[in-house]
Amino acid sequence: MAKKPKKQTAGGTPATVALTAAGTAFTMHAYDHDPAAESYGEEAAEALGVSPDRVFKTLVAEVDGALTVAVVPVACRLDLKALATAVGGKKAAMADPAAAERTTGYVRGGISPLGQRKRLPTVLDASASGHATICVSAGRRGLEVELAPTDLAALTAAVLAPIGRA
């Protein structure tokens, strides 16, 4: 029996397909990605003209041996100890990039918290709740989605916790 192709809209990514399937309101923002950019998140904030505290980066860490997604403002650094505490763990470290890409189905710099190949525990920095909308990767470099943080938390079953540090 032939395998059914994945249903995607033109230009769609697994993240935008997941948002559309859930009936979640979102706005897509595309920009020209510069491969020489040192920070994908800061590049997105600048290109979109959005404050870096409203653009969130998706990082994959390992907490007590289990991959975990952290979503923090691009202006912040991930506090690994706070991330471990948020998910009831003891020790956290950044995940191997190849393992993160393989597990999420996205490439580094384009990892979205939405539509991942394997659903991972997710922690969203508590600062997100201070904004009506935030931007996160739509699943590829140069593409962001803007949505309500409550919608992102609901779709990813995220825990909200203070995991970002200036």
N, C-alpha and C. Protein backbone atom coordinates (compact mmCIF):
# COMPACT_ATOMS: atom_id res chain seq x y z
N MET A 1 0.84 -1.18 0.00
CA MET A 1 0.00 0.00 0.00
C MET A 1 0.89 1.24 0.00
N ALA A 2 0.59 2.20 -0.83
CA ALA A 2 1.39 3.42 -0.96
C ALA A 2 1.22 4.30 0.27
N LYS A 3 2.31 4.95 0.65
CA LYS A 3 2.30 5.84 1.80
C LYS A 3 1.69 7.17 1.37
N LYS A 4 0.78 7.71 2.19
CA LYS A 4 0.15 8.99 1.89
C LYS A 4 1.16 10.11 2.08
N PRO A 5 1.21 11.05 1.15
CA PRO A 5 2.12 12.19 1.33
C PRO A 5 1.61 13.08 2.46
N LYS A 6 2.56 13.78 3.13
CA LYS A 6 2.18 14.72 4.18
C LYS A 6 1.43 15.88 3.55
N LYS A 7 0.35 16.28 4.18
CA LYS A 7 -0.43 17.40 3.68
C LYS A 7 0.21 18.69 4.17
N GLN A 8 0.68 19.51 3.25
CA GLN A 8 1.24 20.81 3.58
C GLN A 8 0.75 21.81 2.57
N THR A 9 0.59 23.03 3.07
CA THR A 9 0.20 24.10 2.15
C THR A 9 1.46 24.58 1.46
N ALA A 10 1.31 25.32 0.39
CA ALA A 10 2.47 25.84 -0.34
C ALA A 10 3.33 26.66 0.61
N GLY A 11 4.60 26.34 0.68
CA GLY A 11 5.49 27.06 1.57
C GLY A 11 5.33 26.69 3.03
N GLY A 12 4.51 25.69 3.30
CA GLY A 12 4.24 25.30 4.67
C GLY A 12 5.37 24.49 5.27
N THR A 13 5.44 24.53 6.58
CA THR A 13 6.38 23.72 7.33
C THR A 13 5.57 22.88 8.31
N PRO A 14 6.15 21.87 8.93
CA PRO A 14 5.38 21.13 9.94
C PRO A 14 4.80 22.06 11.02
N ALA A 15 5.51 23.13 11.36
CA ALA A 15 5.01 24.07 12.38
C ALA A 15 3.75 24.79 11.90
N THR A 16 3.77 25.30 10.67
CA THR A 16 2.60 26.03 10.17
C THR A 16 1.44 25.07 9.89
N VAL A 17 1.77 23.87 9.48
CA VAL A 17 0.72 22.86 9.29
C VAL A 17 0.04 22.55 10.62
N ALA A 18 0.84 22.41 11.69
CA ALA A 18 0.29 22.13 13.02
C ALA A 18 -0.59 23.28 13.50
N LEU A 19 -0.14 24.51 13.27
CA LEU A 19 -0.93 25.67 13.68
C LEU A 19 -2.25 25.73 12.92
N THR A 20 -2.19 25.50 11.62
CA THR A 20 -3.39 25.53 10.79
C THR A 20 -4.36 24.42 11.20
N ALA A 21 -3.84 23.22 11.42
CA ALA A 21 -4.68 22.08 11.82
C ALA A 21 -5.36 22.33 13.17
N ALA A 22 -4.67 23.05 14.06
CA ALA A 22 -5.24 23.34 15.38
C ALA A 22 -6.21 24.52 15.35
N GLY A 23 -6.26 25.23 14.22
CA GLY A 23 -7.13 26.39 14.11
C GLY A 23 -6.62 27.58 14.90
N THR A 24 -5.31 27.62 15.11
CA THR A 24 -4.69 28.69 15.89
C THR A 24 -4.38 29.90 15.01
N ALA A 25 -4.70 31.08 15.52
CA ALA A 25 -4.41 32.31 14.78
C ALA A 25 -2.91 32.58 14.86
N PHE A 26 -2.31 32.87 13.71
CA PHE A 26 -0.89 33.21 13.67
C PHE A 26 -0.62 34.07 12.45
N THR A 27 0.50 34.78 12.50
CA THR A 27 0.94 35.59 11.38
C THR A 27 2.32 35.10 10.98
N MET A 28 2.52 34.90 9.72
CA MET A 28 3.81 34.45 9.20
C MET A 28 4.65 35.67 8.84
N HIS A 29 5.95 35.60 9.19
CA HIS A 29 6.89 36.66 8.86
C HIS A 29 8.10 36.03 8.19
N ALA A 30 8.38 36.43 6.96
CA ALA A 30 9.55 35.92 6.25
C ALA A 30 10.57 37.04 6.11
N TYR A 31 11.84 36.66 6.10
CA TYR A 31 12.91 37.62 5.89
C TYR A 31 14.05 36.90 5.21
N ASP A 32 14.95 37.67 4.62
CA ASP A 32 16.11 37.08 3.94
C ASP A 32 17.17 36.73 4.98
N HIS A 33 17.39 35.45 5.15
CA HIS A 33 18.37 34.96 6.12
C HIS A 33 19.78 35.13 5.57
N ASP A 34 20.66 35.67 6.41
CA ASP A 34 22.07 35.84 6.05
C ASP A 34 22.84 34.67 6.66
N PRO A 35 23.39 33.76 5.85
CA PRO A 35 24.13 32.62 6.38
C PRO A 35 25.31 33.01 7.27
N ALA A 36 25.78 34.25 7.16
CA ALA A 36 26.91 34.70 7.98
C ALA A 36 26.46 35.27 9.33
N ALA A 37 25.16 35.34 9.57
CA ALA A 37 24.65 35.90 10.83
C ALA A 37 25.15 35.08 12.01
N GLU A 38 25.61 35.78 13.05
CA GLU A 38 26.14 35.10 14.23
C GLU A 38 25.04 34.57 15.13
N SER A 39 23.89 35.24 15.15
CA SER A 39 22.77 34.82 16.00
C SER A 39 21.50 34.81 15.15
N TYR A 40 20.92 33.64 14.98
CA TYR A 40 19.71 33.53 14.17
C TYR A 40 18.57 34.35 14.77
N GLY A 41 18.43 34.29 16.09
CA GLY A 41 17.35 35.00 16.75
C GLY A 41 17.48 36.50 16.67
N GLU A 42 18.69 37.01 16.92
CA GLU A 42 18.90 38.45 16.83
C GLU A 42 18.73 38.93 15.39
N GLU A 43 19.14 38.10 14.44
CA GLU A 43 18.93 38.43 13.04
C GLU A 43 17.44 38.56 12.74
N ALA A 44 16.64 37.63 13.26
CA ALA A 44 15.20 37.66 13.03
C ALA A 44 14.58 38.92 13.65
N ALA A 45 14.95 39.24 14.88
CA ALA A 45 14.40 40.42 15.55
C ALA A 45 14.71 41.68 14.75
N GLU A 46 15.95 41.80 14.31
CA GLU A 46 16.35 42.98 13.54
C GLU A 46 15.64 43.05 12.19
N ALA A 47 15.60 41.92 11.50
CA ALA A 47 14.98 41.89 10.17
C ALA A 47 13.48 42.19 10.23
N LEU A 48 12.83 41.76 11.31
CA LEU A 48 11.39 41.96 11.42
C LEU A 48 11.04 43.27 12.12
N GLY A 49 12.05 43.93 12.70
CA GLY A 49 11.77 45.18 13.41
C GLY A 49 10.99 44.94 14.69
N VAL A 50 11.26 43.79 15.33
CA VAL A 50 10.54 43.41 16.55
C VAL A 50 11.54 43.42 17.70
N SER A 51 11.10 43.86 18.86
CA SER A 51 11.96 43.89 20.03
C SER A 51 12.49 42.48 20.34
N PRO A 52 13.79 42.35 20.66
CA PRO A 52 14.36 41.03 20.95
C PRO A 52 13.72 40.31 22.15
N ASP A 53 12.98 41.05 22.98
CA ASP A 53 12.31 40.38 24.10
C ASP A 53 10.99 39.73 23.66
N ARG A 54 10.58 39.99 22.41
CA ARG A 54 9.37 39.34 21.85
C ARG A 54 9.68 38.25 20.85
N VAL A 55 10.95 38.12 20.47
CA VAL A 55 11.36 37.05 19.56
C VAL A 55 12.04 35.98 20.41
N PHE A 56 11.51 34.77 20.33
CA PHE A 56 11.99 33.68 21.17
C PHE A 56 12.73 32.64 20.35
N LYS A 57 13.84 32.17 20.90
CA LYS A 57 14.62 31.12 20.24
C LYS A 57 14.27 29.78 20.88
N THR A 58 14.37 28.75 20.07
CA THR A 58 14.07 27.39 20.52
C THR A 58 15.39 26.64 20.66
N LEU A 59 15.67 26.22 21.87
CA LEU A 59 16.90 25.48 22.17
C LEU A 59 16.54 24.10 22.66
N VAL A 60 17.38 23.13 22.32
CA VAL A 60 17.16 21.77 22.79
C VAL A 60 18.28 21.42 23.76
N ALA A 61 17.89 21.01 24.94
CA ALA A 61 18.83 20.64 25.99
C ALA A 61 18.55 19.21 26.42
N GLU A 62 19.47 18.68 27.18
CA GLU A 62 19.30 17.35 27.74
C GLU A 62 19.17 17.51 29.25
N VAL A 63 18.06 17.09 29.81
CA VAL A 63 17.85 17.15 31.25
C VAL A 63 17.81 15.72 31.78
N ASP A 64 18.79 15.39 32.59
CA ASP A 64 18.91 14.04 33.15
C ASP A 64 18.80 12.98 32.04
N GLY A 65 19.42 13.28 30.90
CA GLY A 65 19.46 12.33 29.80
C GLY A 65 18.29 12.40 28.83
N ALA A 66 17.28 13.22 29.11
CA ALA A 66 16.10 13.32 28.24
C ALA A 66 16.11 14.67 27.51
N LEU A 67 15.89 14.63 26.20
CA LEU A 67 15.83 15.88 25.43
C LEU A 67 14.64 16.71 25.87
N THR A 68 14.87 18.00 26.00
CA THR A 68 13.87 18.94 26.48
C THR A 68 14.00 20.23 25.67
N VAL A 69 12.88 20.84 25.33
CA VAL A 69 12.88 22.08 24.56
C VAL A 69 12.75 23.27 25.51
N ALA A 70 13.60 24.27 25.29
CA ALA A 70 13.54 25.53 26.03
C ALA A 70 13.27 26.65 25.04
N VAL A 71 12.30 27.50 25.34
CA VAL A 71 11.95 28.60 24.47
C VAL A 71 12.16 29.89 25.26
N VAL A 72 13.20 30.65 24.86
CA VAL A 72 13.60 31.85 25.61
C VAL A 72 13.77 33.04 24.67
N PRO A 73 13.64 34.26 25.20
CA PRO A 73 13.84 35.44 24.35
C PRO A 73 15.26 35.44 23.79
N VAL A 74 15.41 35.92 22.56
CA VAL A 74 16.73 35.95 21.93
C VAL A 74 17.69 36.86 22.68
N ALA A 75 17.16 37.81 23.45
CA ALA A 75 18.00 38.72 24.22
C ALA A 75 18.55 38.06 25.49
N CYS A 76 18.11 36.84 25.78
CA CYS A 76 18.51 36.14 27.00
C CYS A 76 19.35 34.91 26.70
N ARG A 77 19.97 34.42 27.76
CA ARG A 77 20.66 33.14 27.71
C ARG A 77 19.82 32.14 28.48
N LEU A 78 19.92 30.90 28.10
CA LEU A 78 19.19 29.84 28.80
C LEU A 78 19.89 29.53 30.11
N ASP A 79 19.14 29.54 31.20
CA ASP A 79 19.64 29.14 32.51
C ASP A 79 19.37 27.63 32.63
N LEU A 80 20.41 26.84 32.43
CA LEU A 80 20.25 25.38 32.41
C LEU A 80 19.75 24.83 33.74
N LYS A 81 20.21 25.40 34.84
CA LYS A 81 19.77 24.94 36.16
C LYS A 81 18.27 25.19 36.34
N ALA A 82 17.81 26.39 35.91
CA ALA A 82 16.39 26.72 36.00
C ALA A 82 15.57 25.80 35.11
N LEU A 83 16.11 25.45 33.94
CA LEU A 83 15.40 24.53 33.04
C LEU A 83 15.25 23.17 33.71
N ALA A 84 16.32 22.66 34.28
CA ALA A 84 16.25 21.35 34.96
C ALA A 84 15.21 21.39 36.07
N THR A 85 15.22 22.44 36.87
CA THR A 85 14.26 22.58 37.96
C THR A 85 12.83 22.61 37.43
N ALA A 86 12.60 23.32 36.31
CA ALA A 86 11.25 23.47 35.75
C ALA A 86 10.63 22.14 35.34
N VAL A 87 11.48 21.17 34.96
CA VAL A 87 10.95 19.86 34.55
C VAL A 87 11.20 18.78 35.60
N GLY A 88 11.59 19.21 36.79
CA GLY A 88 11.80 18.25 37.87
C GLY A 88 13.09 17.46 37.75
N GLY A 89 14.06 18.01 37.04
CA GLY A 89 15.34 17.31 36.86
C GLY A 89 16.42 17.90 37.74
N LYS A 90 17.59 17.28 37.65
CA LYS A 90 18.72 17.71 38.47
C LYS A 90 19.79 18.41 37.64
N LYS A 91 20.07 17.88 36.45
CA LYS A 91 21.20 18.40 35.67
C LYS A 91 20.78 18.59 34.21
N ALA A 92 21.19 19.73 33.65
CA ALA A 92 20.88 20.01 32.25
C ALA A 92 22.14 20.47 31.53
N ALA A 93 22.21 20.13 30.26
CA ALA A 93 23.29 20.56 29.37
C ALA A 93 22.69 20.72 27.99
N MET A 94 23.33 21.52 27.16
CA MET A 94 22.85 21.67 25.79
C MET A 94 22.96 20.32 25.08
N ALA A 95 21.96 20.01 24.27
CA ALA A 95 21.93 18.74 23.54
C ALA A 95 22.91 18.78 22.37
N ASP A 96 23.33 17.61 21.95
CA ASP A 96 24.14 17.48 20.75
C ASP A 96 23.30 18.01 19.58
N PRO A 97 23.85 18.94 18.78
CA PRO A 97 23.06 19.51 17.68
C PRO A 97 22.50 18.45 16.72
N ALA A 98 23.27 17.41 16.43
CA ALA A 98 22.78 16.37 15.52
C ALA A 98 21.58 15.64 16.13
N ALA A 99 21.61 15.39 17.43
CA ALA A 99 20.49 14.72 18.11
C ALA A 99 19.27 15.63 18.11
N ALA A 100 19.49 16.93 18.32
CA ALA A 100 18.38 17.89 18.30
C ALA A 100 17.73 17.92 16.92
N GLU A 101 18.53 17.97 15.88
CA GLU A 101 17.99 18.01 14.51
C GLU A 101 17.26 16.72 14.17
N ARG A 102 17.86 15.59 14.51
CA ARG A 102 17.26 14.29 14.21
C ARG A 102 15.91 14.12 14.93
N THR A 103 15.87 14.53 16.18
CA THR A 103 14.66 14.33 16.99
C THR A 103 13.54 15.29 16.62
N THR A 104 13.89 16.55 16.35
CA THR A 104 12.86 17.55 16.04
C THR A 104 12.44 17.53 14.58
N GLY A 105 13.35 17.12 13.70
CA GLY A 105 13.07 17.15 12.27
C GLY A 105 13.40 18.50 11.64
N TYR A 106 14.03 19.38 12.41
CA TYR A 106 14.40 20.71 11.92
C TYR A 106 15.91 20.88 11.95
N VAL A 107 16.42 21.85 11.18
CA VAL A 107 17.85 22.15 11.21
C VAL A 107 18.11 23.26 12.23
N ARG A 108 19.32 23.25 12.76
CA ARG A 108 19.72 24.26 13.74
C ARG A 108 19.52 25.65 13.14
N GLY A 109 18.97 26.54 13.96
CA GLY A 109 18.66 27.88 13.48
C GLY A 109 17.27 27.96 12.91
N GLY A 110 16.62 26.81 12.75
CA GLY A 110 15.26 26.77 12.23
C GLY A 110 14.39 25.83 13.05
N ILE A 111 14.86 25.45 14.24
CA ILE A 111 14.07 24.54 15.08
C ILE A 111 12.89 25.32 15.65
N SER A 112 11.72 24.79 15.43
CA SER A 112 10.49 25.38 15.94
C SER A 112 10.01 24.56 17.13
N PRO A 113 9.36 25.20 18.09
CA PRO A 113 8.78 24.43 19.18
C PRO A 113 7.51 23.69 18.72
N LEU A 114 7.04 24.01 17.53
CA LEU A 114 5.80 23.45 16.99
C LEU A 114 6.09 22.44 15.88
N GLY A 115 5.26 21.42 15.77
CA GLY A 115 5.35 20.48 14.66
C GLY A 115 6.60 19.63 14.65
N GLN A 116 7.17 19.39 15.81
CA GLN A 116 8.38 18.57 15.87
C GLN A 116 8.07 17.11 15.57
N ARG A 117 9.07 16.43 15.03
CA ARG A 117 8.93 15.02 14.67
C ARG A 117 8.54 14.19 15.90
N LYS A 118 9.19 14.47 17.03
CA LYS A 118 8.88 13.79 18.29
C LYS A 118 8.57 14.88 19.31
N ARG A 119 7.42 14.77 19.95
CA ARG A 119 7.03 15.78 20.93
C ARG A 119 7.91 15.65 22.17
N LEU A 120 8.57 16.73 22.52
CA LEU A 120 9.47 16.76 23.66
C LEU A 120 8.89 17.64 24.77
N PRO A 121 9.26 17.37 26.03
CA PRO A 121 8.84 18.27 27.09
C PRO A 121 9.32 19.68 26.74
N THR A 122 8.48 20.67 26.97
CA THR A 122 8.79 22.03 26.57
C THR A 122 8.61 22.99 27.73
N VAL A 123 9.57 23.92 27.87
CA VAL A 123 9.47 24.97 28.88
C VAL A 123 9.56 26.30 28.15
N LEU A 124 8.58 27.16 28.39
CA LEU A 124 8.51 28.49 27.80
C LEU A 124 8.85 29.50 28.88
N ASP A 125 9.80 30.40 28.57
CA ASP A 125 10.19 31.39 29.57
C ASP A 125 8.96 32.19 29.99
N ALA A 126 8.84 32.39 31.30
CA ALA A 126 7.68 33.08 31.87
C ALA A 126 7.48 34.49 31.34
N SER A 127 8.54 35.12 30.83
CA SER A 127 8.41 36.48 30.30
C SER A 127 7.47 36.54 29.10
N ALA A 128 7.24 35.41 28.45
CA ALA A 128 6.34 35.38 27.28
C ALA A 128 4.94 35.84 27.65
N SER A 129 4.52 35.55 28.88
CA SER A 129 3.15 35.90 29.28
C SER A 129 2.96 37.41 29.40
N GLY A 130 4.02 38.19 29.36
CA GLY A 130 3.91 39.64 29.41
C GLY A 130 3.65 40.28 28.06
N HIS A 131 3.52 39.47 27.02
CA HIS A 131 3.31 39.98 25.67
C HIS A 131 2.01 39.43 25.08
N ALA A 132 1.34 40.23 24.28
CA ALA A 132 0.13 39.77 23.59
C ALA A 132 0.50 38.70 22.57
N THR A 133 1.62 38.91 21.86
CA THR A 133 2.11 37.94 20.89
C THR A 133 3.63 37.86 20.99
N ILE A 134 4.15 36.71 20.58
CA ILE A 134 5.60 36.51 20.49
C ILE A 134 5.88 35.85 19.14
N CYS A 135 7.14 35.91 18.74
CA CYS A 135 7.56 35.27 17.50
C CYS A 135 8.48 34.10 17.82
N VAL A 136 8.27 32.98 17.12
CA VAL A 136 9.14 31.81 17.22
C VAL A 136 9.40 31.30 15.81
N SER A 137 10.41 30.47 15.69
CA SER A 137 10.73 29.93 14.37
C SER A 137 9.55 29.15 13.81
N ALA A 138 9.34 29.33 12.52
CA ALA A 138 8.28 28.60 11.83
C ALA A 138 8.80 27.29 11.24
N GLY A 139 10.07 26.98 11.51
CA GLY A 139 10.58 25.70 11.05
C GLY A 139 11.65 25.78 9.99
N ARG A 140 12.07 26.98 9.66
CA ARG A 140 13.22 27.12 8.77
C ARG A 140 13.80 28.52 8.95
N ARG A 141 15.07 28.62 8.65
CA ARG A 141 15.75 29.90 8.79
C ARG A 141 15.10 30.92 7.86
N GLY A 142 14.84 32.11 8.41
CA GLY A 142 14.22 33.16 7.61
C GLY A 142 12.70 33.15 7.66
N LEU A 143 12.13 32.35 8.56
CA LEU A 143 10.67 32.27 8.65
C LEU A 143 10.25 32.18 10.12
N GLU A 144 9.44 33.13 10.55
CA GLU A 144 8.95 33.17 11.93
C GLU A 144 7.43 33.18 11.92
N VAL A 145 6.86 32.68 13.01
CA VAL A 145 5.41 32.80 13.21
C VAL A 145 5.20 33.63 14.46
N GLU A 146 4.19 34.48 14.40
CA GLU A 146 3.80 35.30 15.53
C GLU A 146 2.47 34.77 16.04
N LEU A 147 2.41 34.49 17.33
CA LEU A 147 1.19 33.95 17.92
C LEU A 147 1.13 34.33 19.38
N ALA A 148 -0.04 34.11 19.99
CA ALA A 148 -0.21 34.38 21.41
C ALA A 148 0.59 33.36 22.21
N PRO A 149 1.29 33.79 23.26
CA PRO A 149 2.06 32.84 24.07
C PRO A 149 1.18 31.77 24.71
N THR A 150 -0.07 32.12 25.00
CA THR A 150 -0.98 31.11 25.58
C THR A 150 -1.26 30.00 24.56
N ASP A 151 -1.36 30.36 23.28
CA ASP A 151 -1.56 29.36 22.24
C ASP A 151 -0.33 28.47 22.09
N LEU A 152 0.86 29.08 22.11
CA LEU A 152 2.09 28.30 22.02
C LEU A 152 2.19 27.32 23.18
N ALA A 153 1.91 27.81 24.38
CA ALA A 153 1.98 26.95 25.57
C ALA A 153 0.97 25.79 25.47
N ALA A 154 -0.23 26.09 25.00
CA ALA A 154 -1.25 25.05 24.89
C ALA A 154 -0.87 24.00 23.85
N LEU A 155 -0.37 24.44 22.68
CA LEU A 155 -0.04 23.51 21.60
C LEU A 155 1.17 22.63 21.90
N THR A 156 2.06 23.12 22.76
CA THR A 156 3.27 22.36 23.08
C THR A 156 3.21 21.72 24.46
N ALA A 157 2.10 21.95 25.18
CA ALA A 157 1.96 21.50 26.57
C ALA A 157 3.12 22.02 27.41
N ALA A 158 3.49 23.27 27.16
CA ALA A 158 4.66 23.86 27.81
C ALA A 158 4.37 24.25 29.26
N VAL A 159 5.43 24.13 30.05
CA VAL A 159 5.46 24.65 31.40
C VAL A 159 6.02 26.07 31.28
N LEU A 160 5.44 27.03 31.98
CA LEU A 160 5.99 28.38 32.01
C LEU A 160 6.87 28.50 33.24
N ALA A 161 8.10 28.95 33.05
CA ALA A 161 9.04 29.10 34.15
C ALA A 161 10.10 30.13 33.77
N PRO A 162 10.70 30.78 34.74
CA PRO A 162 11.75 31.77 34.46
C PRO A 162 13.06 31.07 34.12
N ILE A 163 13.27 30.78 32.84
CA ILE A 163 14.47 30.04 32.42
C ILE A 163 15.45 30.88 31.62
N GLY A 164 15.10 32.12 31.34
CA GLY A 164 15.98 33.02 30.59
C GLY A 164 16.71 33.96 31.53
N ARG A 165 17.99 34.21 31.24
CA ARG A 165 18.79 35.15 32.03
C ARG A 165 19.43 36.16 31.10
N ALA A 166 19.40 37.43 31.53
CA ALA A 166 19.96 38.50 30.70
C ALA A 166 21.46 38.36 30.54
